[in-house]
Amino acid sequence: MLVFKGYKLINSKQRSKLRSFAHHIKPSIYIGKSGLTDGVYSSISESLDSQELIKVKFNENKDLKKKLISDSELKLSASVVGSIGNTVIIYKPNEDLVQRKYKI
């Protein structure tokens, strides 16, 4: 099993539980016509560090959704929980076990 920065990749049961947690979360990052820039990746990384579970919504350039899904594990060290329509759900657990918001 692959490991990213001290945690294992999530399995399907954990992914399902995280999707249920994300149901009530509003998108925190909106990606428009400028696409996936370094600034967008840094904003996503900061949001993941503070919230652990976020939604990213694409207004335009919906083809970039696949690029974000593939880059999230490499650039952000995060896992994609789900992708529905123009929205991608991304999860990155806090490295401190005590401060984790979502116990899966």
N, C-alpha and C. Protein backbone atom coordinates (compact mmCIF):
# COMPACT_ATOMS: atom_id res chain seq x y z
N MET A 1 0.84 -1.18 0.00
CA MET A 1 0.00 0.00 0.00
C MET A 1 0.88 1.24 0.00
N LEU A 2 0.54 2.21 -0.80
CA LEU A 2 1.29 3.46 -0.87
C LEU A 2 1.06 4.30 0.37
N VAL A 3 2.08 5.07 0.74
CA VAL A 3 1.98 5.94 1.91
C VAL A 3 2.41 7.34 1.51
N PHE A 4 1.62 8.36 1.86
CA PHE A 4 1.96 9.75 1.63
C PHE A 4 2.17 10.43 2.97
N LYS A 5 3.37 10.91 3.20
CA LYS A 5 3.70 11.69 4.40
C LYS A 5 3.13 11.08 5.68
N GLY A 6 3.36 9.81 5.89
CA GLY A 6 3.00 9.20 7.16
C GLY A 6 1.58 8.71 7.29
N TYR A 7 0.77 8.75 6.25
CA TYR A 7 -0.57 8.18 6.36
C TYR A 7 -0.87 7.34 5.14
N LYS A 8 -1.69 6.35 5.33
CA LYS A 8 -2.03 5.44 4.24
C LYS A 8 -3.13 6.04 3.38
N LEU A 9 -3.18 5.58 2.14
CA LEU A 9 -4.28 6.00 1.27
C LEU A 9 -5.59 5.48 1.84
N ILE A 10 -6.65 6.21 1.61
CA ILE A 10 -7.93 5.83 2.18
C ILE A 10 -8.59 4.73 1.34
N ASN A 11 -9.34 3.88 2.01
CA ASN A 11 -10.04 2.81 1.30
C ASN A 11 -11.46 3.27 0.95
N SER A 12 -12.23 2.39 0.31
CA SER A 12 -13.55 2.78 -0.18
C SER A 12 -14.53 3.08 0.95
N LYS A 13 -14.42 2.38 2.06
CA LYS A 13 -15.31 2.64 3.20
C LYS A 13 -15.04 4.02 3.80
N GLN A 14 -13.77 4.35 3.95
CA GLN A 14 -13.39 5.66 4.47
C GLN A 14 -13.79 6.76 3.49
N ARG A 15 -13.61 6.49 2.20
CA ARG A 15 -13.98 7.46 1.16
C ARG A 15 -15.48 7.76 1.22
N SER A 16 -16.28 6.73 1.42
CA SER A 16 -17.73 6.91 1.52
C SER A 16 -18.10 7.76 2.74
N LYS A 17 -17.43 7.51 3.85
CA LYS A 17 -17.70 8.28 5.07
C LYS A 17 -17.31 9.75 4.88
N LEU A 18 -16.18 9.99 4.23
CA LEU A 18 -15.75 11.36 3.98
C LEU A 18 -16.70 12.08 3.02
N ARG A 19 -17.22 11.36 2.03
CA ARG A 19 -18.20 11.98 1.13
C ARG A 19 -19.45 12.40 1.89
N SER A 20 -19.85 11.60 2.89
CA SER A 20 -21.03 11.98 3.68
C SER A 20 -20.73 13.22 4.53
N PHE A 21 -19.50 13.34 5.05
CA PHE A 21 -19.12 14.54 5.79
C PHE A 21 -19.12 15.76 4.86
N ALA A 22 -18.69 15.57 3.63
CA ALA A 22 -18.55 16.68 2.68
C ALA A 22 -19.87 17.15 2.11
N HIS A 23 -20.92 16.38 2.33
CA HIS A 23 -22.22 16.73 1.75
C HIS A 23 -22.68 18.13 2.17
N HIS A 24 -22.41 18.52 3.40
CA HIS A 24 -22.89 19.80 3.93
C HIS A 24 -21.87 20.93 3.79
N ILE A 25 -20.71 20.64 3.23
CA ILE A 25 -19.67 21.66 3.08
C ILE A 25 -19.88 22.41 1.76
N LYS A 26 -19.75 23.73 1.82
CA LYS A 26 -19.82 24.53 0.60
C LYS A 26 -18.43 24.59 -0.03
N PRO A 27 -18.35 24.73 -1.35
CA PRO A 27 -17.03 24.82 -2.00
C PRO A 27 -16.22 26.00 -1.45
N SER A 28 -14.96 25.73 -1.11
CA SER A 28 -14.11 26.78 -0.56
C SER A 28 -13.19 27.38 -1.63
N ILE A 29 -13.00 26.68 -2.74
CA ILE A 29 -12.16 27.16 -3.82
C ILE A 29 -12.96 27.10 -5.12
N TYR A 30 -12.96 28.20 -5.86
CA TYR A 30 -13.62 28.25 -7.17
C TYR A 30 -12.54 28.47 -8.23
N ILE A 31 -12.56 27.65 -9.26
CA ILE A 31 -11.57 27.76 -10.33
C ILE A 31 -12.28 28.28 -11.57
N GLY A 32 -11.82 29.43 -12.04
CA GLY A 32 -12.45 30.09 -13.18
C GLY A 32 -11.65 29.94 -14.46
N LYS A 33 -11.69 30.99 -15.28
CA LYS A 33 -11.08 30.91 -16.60
C LYS A 33 -9.56 30.88 -16.58
N SER A 34 -8.93 31.33 -15.51
CA SER A 34 -7.47 31.32 -15.45
C SER A 34 -6.93 29.91 -15.22
N GLY A 35 -7.76 29.00 -14.77
CA GLY A 35 -7.36 27.60 -14.63
C GLY A 35 -6.57 27.31 -13.38
N LEU A 36 -5.77 26.26 -13.45
CA LEU A 36 -4.99 25.79 -12.31
C LEU A 36 -3.62 26.45 -12.31
N THR A 37 -3.49 27.54 -11.61
CA THR A 37 -2.22 28.25 -11.50
C THR A 37 -1.54 27.84 -10.20
N ASP A 38 -0.31 28.31 -10.01
CA ASP A 38 0.40 28.03 -8.76
C ASP A 38 -0.32 28.65 -7.57
N GLY A 39 -0.95 29.80 -7.79
CA GLY A 39 -1.72 30.44 -6.73
C GLY A 39 -2.91 29.61 -6.31
N VAL A 40 -3.56 28.96 -7.27
CA VAL A 40 -4.70 28.09 -6.96
C VAL A 40 -4.23 26.90 -6.14
N TYR A 41 -3.10 26.30 -6.55
CA TYR A 41 -2.57 25.16 -5.80
C TYR A 41 -2.18 25.55 -4.37
N SER A 42 -1.61 26.75 -4.21
CA SER A 42 -1.25 27.18 -2.85
C SER A 42 -2.50 27.46 -2.02
N SER A 43 -3.56 28.00 -2.63
CA SER A 43 -4.82 28.22 -1.91
C SER A 43 -5.45 26.90 -1.49
N ILE A 44 -5.42 25.92 -2.38
CA ILE A 44 -5.95 24.60 -2.05
C ILE A 44 -5.15 23.98 -0.92
N SER A 45 -3.83 24.11 -0.98
CA SER A 45 -2.97 23.55 0.07
C SER A 45 -3.25 24.21 1.42
N GLU A 46 -3.40 25.53 1.44
CA GLU A 46 -3.70 26.24 2.69
C GLU A 46 -5.06 25.83 3.25
N SER A 47 -6.04 25.69 2.37
CA SER A 47 -7.37 25.27 2.81
C SER A 47 -7.34 23.86 3.37
N LEU A 48 -6.58 22.98 2.73
CA LEU A 48 -6.48 21.60 3.23
C LEU A 48 -5.78 21.55 4.59
N ASP A 49 -4.77 22.40 4.77
CA ASP A 49 -4.07 22.42 6.06
C ASP A 49 -4.98 22.88 7.19
N SER A 50 -5.89 23.80 6.90
CA SER A 50 -6.75 24.32 7.96
C SER A 50 -8.05 23.53 8.12
N GLN A 51 -8.58 22.97 7.02
CA GLN A 51 -9.90 22.34 7.09
C GLN A 51 -9.90 20.83 6.89
N GLU A 52 -8.86 20.26 6.30
CA GLU A 52 -8.70 18.83 6.02
C GLU A 52 -9.58 18.33 4.88
N LEU A 53 -10.82 18.74 4.81
CA LEU A 53 -11.76 18.26 3.79
C LEU A 53 -12.37 19.48 3.10
N ILE A 54 -12.15 19.59 1.79
CA ILE A 54 -12.65 20.76 1.06
C ILE A 54 -13.31 20.33 -0.24
N LYS A 55 -14.10 21.26 -0.77
CA LYS A 55 -14.68 21.10 -2.10
C LYS A 55 -14.08 22.17 -3.01
N VAL A 56 -13.75 21.75 -4.22
CA VAL A 56 -13.24 22.66 -5.24
C VAL A 56 -14.23 22.63 -6.39
N LYS A 57 -14.72 23.80 -6.78
CA LYS A 57 -15.73 23.89 -7.84
C LYS A 57 -15.14 24.55 -9.08
N PHE A 58 -15.44 23.98 -10.23
CA PHE A 58 -14.99 24.51 -11.51
C PHE A 58 -16.12 25.27 -12.18
N ASN A 59 -15.90 26.55 -12.47
CA ASN A 59 -16.90 27.35 -13.18
C ASN A 59 -16.72 27.20 -14.68
N GLU A 60 -15.49 27.23 -15.14
CA GLU A 60 -15.16 27.07 -16.54
C GLU A 60 -14.01 26.07 -16.62
N ASN A 61 -13.62 25.70 -17.83
CA ASN A 61 -12.51 24.77 -18.03
C ASN A 61 -12.70 23.47 -17.25
N LYS A 62 -13.82 22.85 -17.47
CA LYS A 62 -14.13 21.64 -16.74
C LYS A 62 -13.17 20.49 -17.06
N ASP A 63 -12.43 20.62 -18.17
CA ASP A 63 -11.45 19.59 -18.52
C ASP A 63 -10.28 19.58 -17.54
N LEU A 64 -10.08 20.69 -16.84
CA LEU A 64 -8.99 20.75 -15.86
C LEU A 64 -9.29 19.93 -14.61
N LYS A 65 -10.53 19.47 -14.48
CA LYS A 65 -10.90 18.67 -13.31
C LYS A 65 -10.06 17.40 -13.25
N LYS A 66 -9.85 16.76 -14.39
CA LYS A 66 -9.03 15.54 -14.44
C LYS A 66 -7.59 15.83 -14.05
N LYS A 67 -7.10 17.00 -14.46
CA LYS A 67 -5.73 17.39 -14.12
C LYS A 67 -5.60 17.60 -12.61
N LEU A 68 -6.58 18.23 -11.99
CA LEU A 68 -6.54 18.44 -10.55
C LEU A 68 -6.60 17.11 -9.81
N ILE A 69 -7.40 16.19 -10.30
CA ILE A 69 -7.52 14.89 -9.65
C ILE A 69 -6.18 14.16 -9.69
N SER A 70 -5.50 14.20 -10.81
CA SER A 70 -4.21 13.51 -10.91
C SER A 70 -3.11 14.25 -10.14
N ASP A 71 -3.16 15.58 -10.12
CA ASP A 71 -2.13 16.36 -9.44
C ASP A 71 -2.30 16.41 -7.93
N SER A 72 -3.50 16.14 -7.44
CA SER A 72 -3.74 16.30 -6.00
C SER A 72 -2.88 15.35 -5.18
N GLU A 73 -2.68 14.14 -5.66
CA GLU A 73 -1.87 13.19 -4.90
C GLU A 73 -0.39 13.52 -5.00
N LEU A 74 0.05 14.07 -6.11
CA LEU A 74 1.46 14.37 -6.29
C LEU A 74 1.86 15.73 -5.71
N LYS A 75 1.15 16.78 -6.08
CA LYS A 75 1.52 18.14 -5.65
C LYS A 75 1.04 18.47 -4.25
N LEU A 76 -0.15 17.97 -3.88
CA LEU A 76 -0.77 18.36 -2.62
C LEU A 76 -0.66 17.30 -1.53
N SER A 77 -0.20 16.11 -1.87
CA SER A 77 -0.17 14.97 -0.93
C SER A 77 -1.54 14.76 -0.30
N ALA A 78 -2.57 14.80 -1.13
CA ALA A 78 -3.95 14.65 -0.66
C ALA A 78 -4.65 13.57 -1.46
N SER A 79 -5.79 13.14 -0.98
CA SER A 79 -6.59 12.12 -1.65
C SER A 79 -7.87 12.73 -2.18
N VAL A 80 -8.25 12.34 -3.38
CA VAL A 80 -9.53 12.77 -3.94
C VAL A 80 -10.59 11.81 -3.43
N VAL A 81 -11.57 12.35 -2.74
CA VAL A 81 -12.63 11.55 -2.14
C VAL A 81 -13.73 11.29 -3.15
N GLY A 82 -14.05 12.29 -3.95
CA GLY A 82 -15.11 12.13 -4.93
C GLY A 82 -15.13 13.26 -5.92
N SER A 83 -15.85 13.02 -6.99
CA SER A 83 -16.00 14.02 -8.04
C SER A 83 -17.43 13.93 -8.55
N ILE A 84 -18.18 15.01 -8.34
CA ILE A 84 -19.58 15.04 -8.75
C ILE A 84 -19.80 16.28 -9.59
N GLY A 85 -20.15 16.10 -10.86
CA GLY A 85 -20.38 17.24 -11.74
C GLY A 85 -19.14 18.09 -11.87
N ASN A 86 -19.24 19.35 -11.49
CA ASN A 86 -18.12 20.29 -11.57
C ASN A 86 -17.40 20.45 -10.24
N THR A 87 -17.64 19.57 -9.29
CA THR A 87 -17.08 19.69 -7.95
C THR A 87 -16.21 18.49 -7.62
N VAL A 88 -15.04 18.77 -7.02
CA VAL A 88 -14.12 17.73 -6.59
C VAL A 88 -13.96 17.86 -5.08
N ILE A 89 -14.02 16.73 -4.37
CA ILE A 89 -13.84 16.70 -2.91
C ILE A 89 -12.44 16.15 -2.63
N ILE A 90 -11.65 16.91 -1.86
CA ILE A 90 -10.27 16.55 -1.58
C ILE A 90 -10.08 16.47 -0.07
N TYR A 91 -9.31 15.46 0.37
CA TYR A 91 -9.06 15.23 1.79
C TYR A 91 -7.57 15.09 2.04
N LYS A 92 -7.10 15.79 3.07
CA LYS A 92 -5.72 15.65 3.53
C LYS A 92 -5.75 15.70 5.06
N PRO A 93 -5.50 14.57 5.72
CA PRO A 93 -5.58 14.56 7.19
C PRO A 93 -4.48 15.40 7.82
N ASN A 94 -4.79 15.96 8.97
CA ASN A 94 -3.81 16.72 9.74
C ASN A 94 -2.73 15.76 10.21
N GLU A 95 -1.48 16.19 10.17
CA GLU A 95 -0.39 15.31 10.59
C GLU A 95 -0.42 15.04 12.09
N ASP A 96 -0.99 15.95 12.86
CA ASP A 96 -1.13 15.77 14.30
C ASP A 96 -2.42 14.98 14.57
N LEU A 97 -2.29 13.79 15.13
CA LEU A 97 -3.44 12.92 15.35
C LEU A 97 -4.48 13.54 16.27
N VAL A 98 -4.05 14.34 17.24
CA VAL A 98 -4.96 14.94 18.20
C VAL A 98 -5.83 16.01 17.55
N GLN A 99 -5.28 16.73 16.59
CA GLN A 99 -5.99 17.85 15.98
C GLN A 99 -6.80 17.47 14.74
N ARG A 100 -6.86 16.20 14.39
CA ARG A 100 -7.65 15.78 13.23
C ARG A 100 -9.13 16.01 13.48
N LYS A 101 -9.80 16.59 12.49
CA LYS A 101 -11.23 16.89 12.61
C LYS A 101 -12.09 15.69 12.27
N TYR A 102 -11.62 14.87 11.33
CA TYR A 102 -12.41 13.74 10.85
C TYR A 102 -11.72 12.44 11.23
N LYS A 103 -12.36 11.69 12.10
CA LYS A 103 -11.83 10.39 12.53
C LYS A 103 -12.41 9.31 11.63
N ILE A 104 -11.57 8.78 10.76
CA ILE A 104 -12.07 7.75 9.85
C ILE A 104 -11.32 6.45 10.07
